[in-house]
């Protein structure tokens, strides 16, 4: 199981809607997306249920999307 913040960071690189919600720091939208699009992962314990650290997630996501080496590896 991934901690929720780490899971969001991983998925936000690949999911445009989650990416936008992180950039907007919209915690309600993030939880809505998890409930709508990742119900299986949530219901089967792949995602932790701790609170979101929005400042950390926002900061690290911005670092990730601006890391050219990381993006090149993913493409």
PDB file of N, CA and C in Angstrom:
ATOM      1  N   UNK A   1       0.850  -1.174   0.000  1.00  0.00           N
ATOM      2  CA  UNK A   1       0.000   0.000   0.000  1.00  0.00           C
ATOM      3  C   UNK A   1       0.895   1.237   0.000  1.00  0.00           C
ATOM      4  N   UNK A   2       0.516   2.200  -0.823  1.00  0.00           N
ATOM      5  CA  UNK A   2       1.211   3.490  -0.844  1.00  0.00           C
ATOM      6  C   UNK A   2       0.498   4.464   0.078  1.00  0.00           C
ATOM      7  N   UNK A   3       1.274   5.300   0.716  1.00  0.00           N
ATOM      8  CA  UNK A   3       0.665   6.385   1.479  1.00  0.00           C
ATOM      9  C   UNK A   3      -0.043   7.299   0.485  1.00  0.00           C
ATOM     10  N   UNK A   4      -1.132   7.893   0.911  1.00  0.00           N
ATOM     11  CA  UNK A   4      -1.974   8.679   0.019  1.00  0.00           C
ATOM     12  C   UNK A   4      -1.195   9.780  -0.691  1.00  0.00           C
ATOM     13  N   UNK A   5      -0.369  10.516   0.026  1.00  0.00           N
ATOM     14  CA  UNK A   5       0.378  11.606  -0.599  1.00  0.00           C
ATOM     15  C   UNK A   5       1.307  11.102  -1.703  1.00  0.00           C
ATOM     16  N   UNK A   6       1.987   9.989  -1.456  1.00  0.00           N
ATOM     17  CA  UNK A   6       2.885   9.418  -2.465  1.00  0.00           C
ATOM     18  C   UNK A   6       2.107   8.897  -3.667  1.00  0.00           C
ATOM     19  N   UNK A   7       0.962   8.292  -3.401  1.00  0.00           N
ATOM     20  CA  UNK A   7       0.121   7.785  -4.480  1.00  0.00           C
ATOM     21  C   UNK A   7      -0.355   8.932  -5.370  1.00  0.00           C
ATOM     22  N   UNK A   8      -0.781  10.033  -4.761  1.00  0.00           N
ATOM     23  CA  UNK A   8      -1.226  11.205  -5.526  1.00  0.00           C
ATOM     24  C   UNK A   8      -0.089  11.727  -6.393  1.00  0.00           C
ATOM     25  N   UNK A   9       1.111  11.815  -5.828  1.00  0.00           N
ATOM     26  CA  UNK A   9       2.261  12.297  -6.602  1.00  0.00           C
ATOM     27  C   UNK A   9       2.524  11.405  -7.816  1.00  0.00           C
ATOM     28  N   UNK A  10       2.414  10.107  -7.644  1.00  0.00           N
ATOM     29  CA  UNK A  10       2.626   9.184  -8.754  1.00  0.00           C
ATOM     30  C   UNK A  10       1.541   9.332  -9.813  1.00  0.00           C
ATOM     31  N   UNK A  11       0.292   9.299  -9.402  1.00  0.00           N
ATOM     32  CA  UNK A  11      -0.820   9.342 -10.350  1.00  0.00           C
ATOM     33  C   UNK A  11      -0.970  10.697 -11.036  1.00  0.00           C
ATOM     34  N   UNK A  12      -0.629  11.776 -10.348  1.00  0.00           N
ATOM     35  CA  UNK A  12      -0.812  13.120 -10.912  1.00  0.00           C
ATOM     36  C   UNK A  12       0.093  13.369 -12.119  1.00  0.00           C
ATOM     37  N   UNK A  13       1.158  12.602 -12.236  1.00  0.00           N
ATOM     38  CA  UNK A  13       2.023  12.739 -13.409  1.00  0.00           C
ATOM     39  C   UNK A  13       1.305  12.234 -14.661  1.00  0.00           C
ATOM     40  N   UNK A  14       0.438  11.242 -14.506  1.00  0.00           N
ATOM     41  CA  UNK A  14      -0.206  10.587 -15.643  1.00  0.00           C
ATOM     42  C   UNK A  14      -1.670  10.964 -15.845  1.00  0.00           C
ATOM     43  N   UNK A  15      -2.306  11.528 -14.845  1.00  0.00           N
ATOM     44  CA  UNK A  15      -3.739  11.843 -14.920  1.00  0.00           C
ATOM     45  C   UNK A  15      -3.919  13.358 -14.934  1.00  0.00           C
ATOM     46  N   UNK A  16      -4.357  13.882 -16.060  1.00  0.00           N
ATOM     47  CA  UNK A  16      -4.482  15.334 -16.235  1.00  0.00           C
ATOM     48  C   UNK A  16      -5.452  15.949 -15.224  1.00  0.00           C
ATOM     49  N   UNK A  17      -6.551  15.280 -14.950  1.00  0.00           N
ATOM     50  CA  UNK A  17      -7.528  15.830 -13.997  1.00  0.00           C
ATOM     51  C   UNK A  17      -6.943  15.891 -12.587  1.00  0.00           C
ATOM     52  N   UNK A  18      -6.220  14.857 -12.201  1.00  0.00           N
ATOM     53  CA  UNK A  18      -5.577  14.860 -10.890  1.00  0.00           C
ATOM     54  C   UNK A  18      -4.456  15.894 -10.851  1.00  0.00           C
ATOM     55  N   UNK A  19      -3.710  15.988 -11.914  1.00  0.00           N
ATOM     56  CA  UNK A  19      -2.661  17.004 -12.047  1.00  0.00           C
ATOM     57  C   UNK A  19      -3.250  18.401 -11.821  1.00  0.00           C
ATOM     58  N   UNK A  20      -4.353  18.706 -12.489  1.00  0.00           N
ATOM     59  CA  UNK A  20      -4.984  20.016 -12.342  1.00  0.00           C
ATOM     60  C   UNK A  20      -5.470  20.255 -10.922  1.00  0.00           C
ATOM     61  N   UNK A  21      -6.048  19.238 -10.305  1.00  0.00           N
ATOM     62  CA  UNK A  21      -6.541  19.382  -8.929  1.00  0.00           C
ATOM     63  C   UNK A  21      -5.390  19.657  -7.963  1.00  0.00           C
ATOM     64  N   UNK A  22      -4.249  19.021  -8.184  1.00  0.00           N
ATOM     65  CA  UNK A  22      -3.084  19.276  -7.330  1.00  0.00           C
ATOM     66  C   UNK A  22      -2.607  20.713  -7.525  1.00  0.00           C
ATOM     67  N   UNK A  23      -2.512  21.159  -8.776  1.00  0.00           N
ATOM     68  CA  UNK A  23      -2.057  22.526  -9.030  1.00  0.00           C
ATOM     69  C   UNK A  23      -3.020  23.569  -8.473  1.00  0.00           C
ATOM     70  N   UNK A  24      -4.296  23.219  -8.401  1.00  0.00           N
ATOM     71  CA  UNK A  24      -5.295  24.120  -7.819  1.00  0.00           C
ATOM     72  C   UNK A  24      -5.357  23.981  -6.295  1.00  0.00           C
ATOM     73  N   UNK A  25      -4.626  23.007  -5.753  1.00  0.00           N
ATOM     74  CA  UNK A  25      -4.675  22.678  -4.320  1.00  0.00           C
ATOM     75  C   UNK A  25      -6.109  22.414  -3.875  1.00  0.00           C
ATOM     76  N   UNK A  26      -6.831  21.685  -4.718  1.00  0.00           N
ATOM     77  CA  UNK A  26      -8.244  21.401  -4.485  1.00  0.00           C
ATOM     78  C   UNK A  26      -8.398  20.001  -3.890  1.00  0.00           C
ATOM     79  N   UNK A  27      -8.336  19.935  -2.569  1.00  0.00           N
ATOM     80  CA  UNK A  27      -8.397  18.659  -1.870  1.00  0.00           C
ATOM     81  C   UNK A  27      -9.722  17.940  -2.098  1.00  0.00           C
ATOM     82  N   UNK A  28     -10.825  18.683  -2.147  1.00  0.00           N
ATOM     83  CA  UNK A  28     -12.130  18.066  -2.390  1.00  0.00           C
ATOM     84  C   UNK A  28     -12.164  17.398  -3.759  1.00  0.00           C
ATOM     85  N   UNK A  29     -11.613  18.060  -4.756  1.00  0.00           N
ATOM     86  CA  UNK A  29     -11.586  17.504  -6.114  1.00  0.00           C
ATOM     87  C   UNK A  29     -10.712  16.256  -6.169  1.00  0.00           C
ATOM     88  N   UNK A  30      -9.598  16.271  -5.452  1.00  0.00           N
ATOM     89  CA  UNK A  30      -8.716  15.102  -5.420  1.00  0.00           C
ATOM     90  C   UNK A  30      -9.460  13.906  -4.848  1.00  0.00           C
ATOM     91  N   UNK A  31     -10.147  14.101  -3.720  1.00  0.00           N
ATOM     92  CA  UNK A  31     -10.906  12.994  -3.131  1.00  0.00           C
ATOM     93  C   UNK A  31     -12.038  12.542  -4.050  1.00  0.00           C
ATOM     94  N   UNK A  32     -12.661  13.480  -4.752  1.00  0.00           N
ATOM     95  CA  UNK A  32     -13.727  13.111  -5.697  1.00  0.00           C
ATOM     96  C   UNK A  32     -13.151  12.242  -6.820  1.00  0.00           C
ATOM     97  N   UNK A  33     -11.995  12.629  -7.348  1.00  0.00           N
ATOM     98  CA  UNK A  33     -11.357  11.844  -8.409  1.00  0.00           C
ATOM     99  C   UNK A  33     -10.974  10.456  -7.909  1.00  0.00           C
ATOM    100  N   UNK A  34     -10.458  10.381  -6.692  1.00  0.00           N
ATOM    101  CA  UNK A  34     -10.107   9.076  -6.132  1.00  0.00           C
ATOM    102  C   UNK A  34     -11.351   8.208  -6.030  1.00  0.00           C
ATOM    103  N   UNK A  35     -12.436   8.775  -5.537  1.00  0.00           N
ATOM    104  CA  UNK A  35     -13.679   8.007  -5.388  1.00  0.00           C
ATOM    105  C   UNK A  35     -14.292   7.621  -6.728  1.00  0.00           C
ATOM    106  N   UNK A  36     -14.150   8.496  -7.742  1.00  0.00           N
ATOM    107  CA  UNK A  36     -14.752   8.240  -9.054  1.00  0.00           C
ATOM    108  C   UNK A  36     -13.890   7.349  -9.945  1.00  0.00           C
ATOM    109  N   UNK A  37     -12.595   7.647 -10.024  1.00  0.00           N
ATOM    110  CA  UNK A  37     -11.737   6.995 -11.005  1.00  0.00           C
ATOM    111  C   UNK A  37     -10.853   5.887 -10.433  1.00  0.00           C
ATOM    112  N   UNK A  38     -10.664   5.879  -9.138  1.00  0.00           N
ATOM    113  CA  UNK A  38      -9.762   4.909  -8.527  1.00  0.00           C
ATOM    114  C   UNK A  38     -10.449   4.152  -7.399  1.00  0.00           C
ATOM    115  N   UNK A  39     -11.728   3.876  -7.571  1.00  0.00           N
ATOM    116  CA  UNK A  39     -12.518   3.184  -6.559  1.00  0.00           C
ATOM    117  C   UNK A  39     -11.934   1.811  -6.230  1.00  0.00           C
ATOM    118  N   UNK A  40     -11.522   1.076  -7.250  1.00  0.00           N
ATOM    119  CA  UNK A  40     -10.966  -0.262  -7.022  1.00  0.00           C
ATOM    120  C   UNK A  40      -9.730  -0.192  -6.120  1.00  0.00           C
ATOM    121  N   UNK A  41      -8.806   0.729  -6.456  1.00  0.00           N
ATOM    122  CA  UNK A  41      -7.588   0.878  -5.663  1.00  0.00           C
ATOM    123  C   UNK A  41      -7.904   1.275  -4.228  1.00  0.00           C
ATOM    124  N   UNK A  42      -8.854   2.181  -4.076  1.00  0.00           N
ATOM    125  CA  UNK A  42      -9.242   2.648  -2.741  1.00  0.00           C
ATOM    126  C   UNK A  42      -9.887   1.516  -1.944  1.00  0.00           C
ATOM    127  N   UNK A  43     -10.842   0.836  -2.563  1.00  0.00           N
ATOM    128  CA  UNK A  43     -11.593  -0.210  -1.870  1.00  0.00           C
ATOM    129  C   UNK A  43     -10.754  -1.446  -1.535  1.00  0.00           C
ATOM    130  N   UNK A  44      -9.671  -1.653  -2.258  1.00  0.00           N
ATOM    131  CA  UNK A  44      -8.847  -2.839  -2.046  1.00  0.00           C
ATOM    132  C   UNK A  44      -7.524  -2.547  -1.331  1.00  0.00           C
ATOM    133  N   UNK A  45      -7.448  -1.389  -0.698  1.00  0.00           N
ATOM    134  CA  UNK A  45      -6.325  -1.086   0.178  1.00  0.00           C
ATOM    135  C   UNK A  45      -5.027  -0.704  -0.485  1.00  0.00           C
ATOM    136  N   UNK A  46      -5.067  -0.307  -1.750  1.00  0.00           N
ATOM    137  CA  UNK A  46      -3.840   0.121  -2.424  1.00  0.00           C
ATOM    138  C   UNK A  46      -3.443   1.542  -2.037  1.00  0.00           C
ATOM    139  N   UNK A  47      -4.390   2.294  -1.488  1.00  0.00           N
ATOM    140  CA  UNK A  47      -4.185   3.701  -1.145  1.00  0.00           C
ATOM    141  C   UNK A  47      -4.441   3.880   0.342  1.00  0.00           C
ATOM    142  N   UNK A  48      -3.526   4.568   1.018  1.00  0.00           N
ATOM    143  CA  UNK A  48      -3.731   4.881   2.425  1.00  0.00           C
ATOM    144  C   UNK A  48      -4.858   5.898   2.589  1.00  0.00           C
ATOM    145  N   UNK A  49      -5.328   6.046   3.811  1.00  0.00           N
ATOM    146  CA  UNK A  49      -6.447   6.954   4.059  1.00  0.00           C
ATOM    147  C   UNK A  49      -6.075   8.108   4.976  1.00  0.00           C
ATOM    148  N   UNK A  50      -4.782   8.437   5.045  1.00  0.00           N
ATOM    149  CA  UNK A  50      -4.366   9.561   5.873  1.00  0.00           C
ATOM    150  C   UNK A  50      -4.729  10.886   5.198  1.00  0.00           C
ATOM    151  N   UNK A  51      -4.696  11.985   5.931  1.00  0.00           N
ATOM    152  CA  UNK A  51      -5.001  13.292   5.334  1.00  0.00           C
ATOM    153  C   UNK A  51      -3.962  13.674   4.270  1.00  0.00           C
ATOM    154  N   UNK A  52      -4.378  14.476   3.326  1.00  0.00           N
ATOM    155  CA  UNK A  52      -3.471  14.953   2.280  1.00  0.00           C
ATOM    156  C   UNK A  52      -2.675  16.134   2.825  1.00  0.00           C
ATOM    157  N   UNK A  53      -1.376  16.086   2.630  1.00  0.00           N
ATOM    158  CA  UNK A  53      -0.504  17.221   2.947  1.00  0.00           C
ATOM    159  C   UNK A  53      -0.385  18.038   1.661  1.00  0.00           C
ATOM    160  N   UNK A  54      -1.339  18.946   1.451  1.00  0.00           N
ATOM    161  CA  UNK A  54      -1.430  19.674   0.172  1.00  0.00           C
ATOM    162  C   UNK A  54      -0.181  20.482  -0.125  1.00  0.00           C
ATOM    163  N   UNK A  55       0.427  21.083   0.871  1.00  0.00           N
ATOM    164  CA  UNK A  55       1.643  21.869   0.612  1.00  0.00           C
ATOM    165  C   UNK A  55       2.759  20.977   0.084  1.00  0.00           C
ATOM    166  N   UNK A  56       2.937  19.821   0.704  1.00  0.00           N
ATOM    167  CA  UNK A  56       3.971  18.878   0.256  1.00  0.00           C
ATOM    168  C   UNK A  56       3.654  18.352  -1.140  1.00  0.00           C
ATOM    169  N   UNK A  57       2.411  17.925  -1.350  1.00  0.00           N
ATOM    170  CA  UNK A  57       2.024  17.362  -2.642  1.00  0.00           C
ATOM    171  C   UNK A  57       2.186  18.412  -3.744  1.00  0.00           C
ATOM    172  N   UNK A  58       1.737  19.621  -3.499  1.00  0.00           N
ATOM    173  CA  UNK A  58       1.858  20.696  -4.484  1.00  0.00           C
ATOM    174  C   UNK A  58       3.330  20.953  -4.819  1.00  0.00           C
ATOM    175  N   UNK A  59       4.161  21.098  -3.786  1.00  0.00           N
ATOM    176  CA  UNK A  59       5.583  21.393  -3.985  1.00  0.00           C
ATOM    177  C   UNK A  59       6.282  20.274  -4.747  1.00  0.00           C
ATOM    178  N   UNK A  60       6.083  19.035  -4.291  1.00  0.00           N
ATOM    179  CA  UNK A  60       6.774  17.916  -4.934  1.00  0.00           C
ATOM    180  C   UNK A  60       6.247  17.640  -6.338  1.00  0.00           C
ATOM    181  N   UNK A  61       4.963  17.851  -6.568  1.00  0.00           N
ATOM    182  CA  UNK A  61       4.429  17.654  -7.918  1.00  0.00           C
ATOM    183  C   UNK A  61       5.032  18.684  -8.874  1.00  0.00           C
ATOM    184  N   UNK A  62       5.141  19.917  -8.439  1.00  0.00           N
ATOM    185  CA  UNK A  62       5.774  20.934  -9.283  1.00  0.00           C
ATOM    186  C   UNK A  62       7.226  20.586  -9.574  1.00  0.00           C
ATOM    187  N   UNK A  63       7.935  20.069  -8.577  1.00  0.00           N
ATOM    188  CA  UNK A  63       9.316  19.635  -8.809  1.00  0.00           C
ATOM    189  C   UNK A  63       9.354  18.495  -9.821  1.00  0.00           C
ATOM    190  N   UNK A  64       8.427  17.556  -9.689  1.00  0.00           N
ATOM    191  CA  UNK A  64       8.394  16.412 -10.608  1.00  0.00           C
ATOM    192  C   UNK A  64       8.112  16.833 -12.048  1.00  0.00           C
ATOM    193  N   UNK A  65       7.123  17.690 -12.239  1.00  0.00           N
ATOM    194  CA  UNK A  65       6.764  18.056 -13.619  1.00  0.00           C
ATOM    195  C   UNK A  65       7.796  18.972 -14.260  1.00  0.00           C
ATOM    196  N   UNK A  66       8.650  19.590 -13.449  1.00  0.00           N
ATOM    197  CA  UNK A  66       9.713  20.431 -13.983  1.00  0.00           C
ATOM    198  C   UNK A  66      11.054  19.704 -14.071  1.00  0.00           C
ATOM    199  N   UNK A  67      11.069  18.441 -13.717  1.00  0.00           N
ATOM    200  CA  UNK A  67      12.276  17.631 -13.773  1.00  0.00           C
ATOM    201  C   UNK A  67      12.353  16.964 -15.151  1.00  0.00           C
ATOM    202  N   UNK A  68      13.152  17.544 -16.028  1.00  0.00           N
ATOM    203  CA  UNK A  68      13.227  17.065 -17.409  1.00  0.00           C
ATOM    204  C   UNK A  68      13.721  15.619 -17.494  1.00  0.00           C
ATOM    205  N   UNK A  69      14.647  15.260 -16.642  1.00  0.00           N
ATOM    206  CA  UNK A  69      15.161  13.889 -16.661  1.00  0.00           C
ATOM    207  C   UNK A  69      14.052  12.900 -16.296  1.00  0.00           C
ATOM    208  N   UNK A  70      13.274  13.204 -15.289  1.00  0.00           N
ATOM    209  CA  UNK A  70      12.165  12.335 -14.893  1.00  0.00           C
ATOM    210  C   UNK A  70      11.139  12.216 -16.020  1.00  0.00           C
ATOM    211  N   UNK A  71      10.758  13.341 -16.604  1.00  0.00           N
ATOM    212  CA  UNK A  71       9.763  13.331 -17.684  1.00  0.00           C
ATOM    213  C   UNK A  71      10.282  12.535 -18.877  1.00  0.00           C
ATOM    214  N   UNK A  72      11.544  12.692 -19.227  1.00  0.00           N
ATOM    215  CA  UNK A  72      12.120  11.931 -20.343  1.00  0.00           C
ATOM    216  C   UNK A  72      12.098  10.434 -20.066  1.00  0.00           C
ATOM    217  N   UNK A  73      12.314  10.040 -18.828  1.00  0.00           N
ATOM    218  CA  UNK A  73      12.263   8.617 -18.482  1.00  0.00           C
ATOM    219  C   UNK A  73      10.847   8.058 -18.617  1.00  0.00           C
ATOM    220  N   UNK A  74       9.868   8.904 -18.343  1.00  0.00           N
ATOM    221  CA  UNK A  74       8.481   8.455 -18.372  1.00  0.00           C
ATOM    222  C   UNK A  74       7.881   8.447 -19.773  1.00  0.00           C
ATOM    223  N   UNK A  75       8.476   9.199 -20.682  1.00  0.00           N
ATOM    224  CA  UNK A  75       7.927   9.302 -22.031  1.00  0.00           C
ATOM    225  C   UNK A  75       8.362   8.172 -22.911  1.00  0.00           C
TER     226      UNK A  75
END
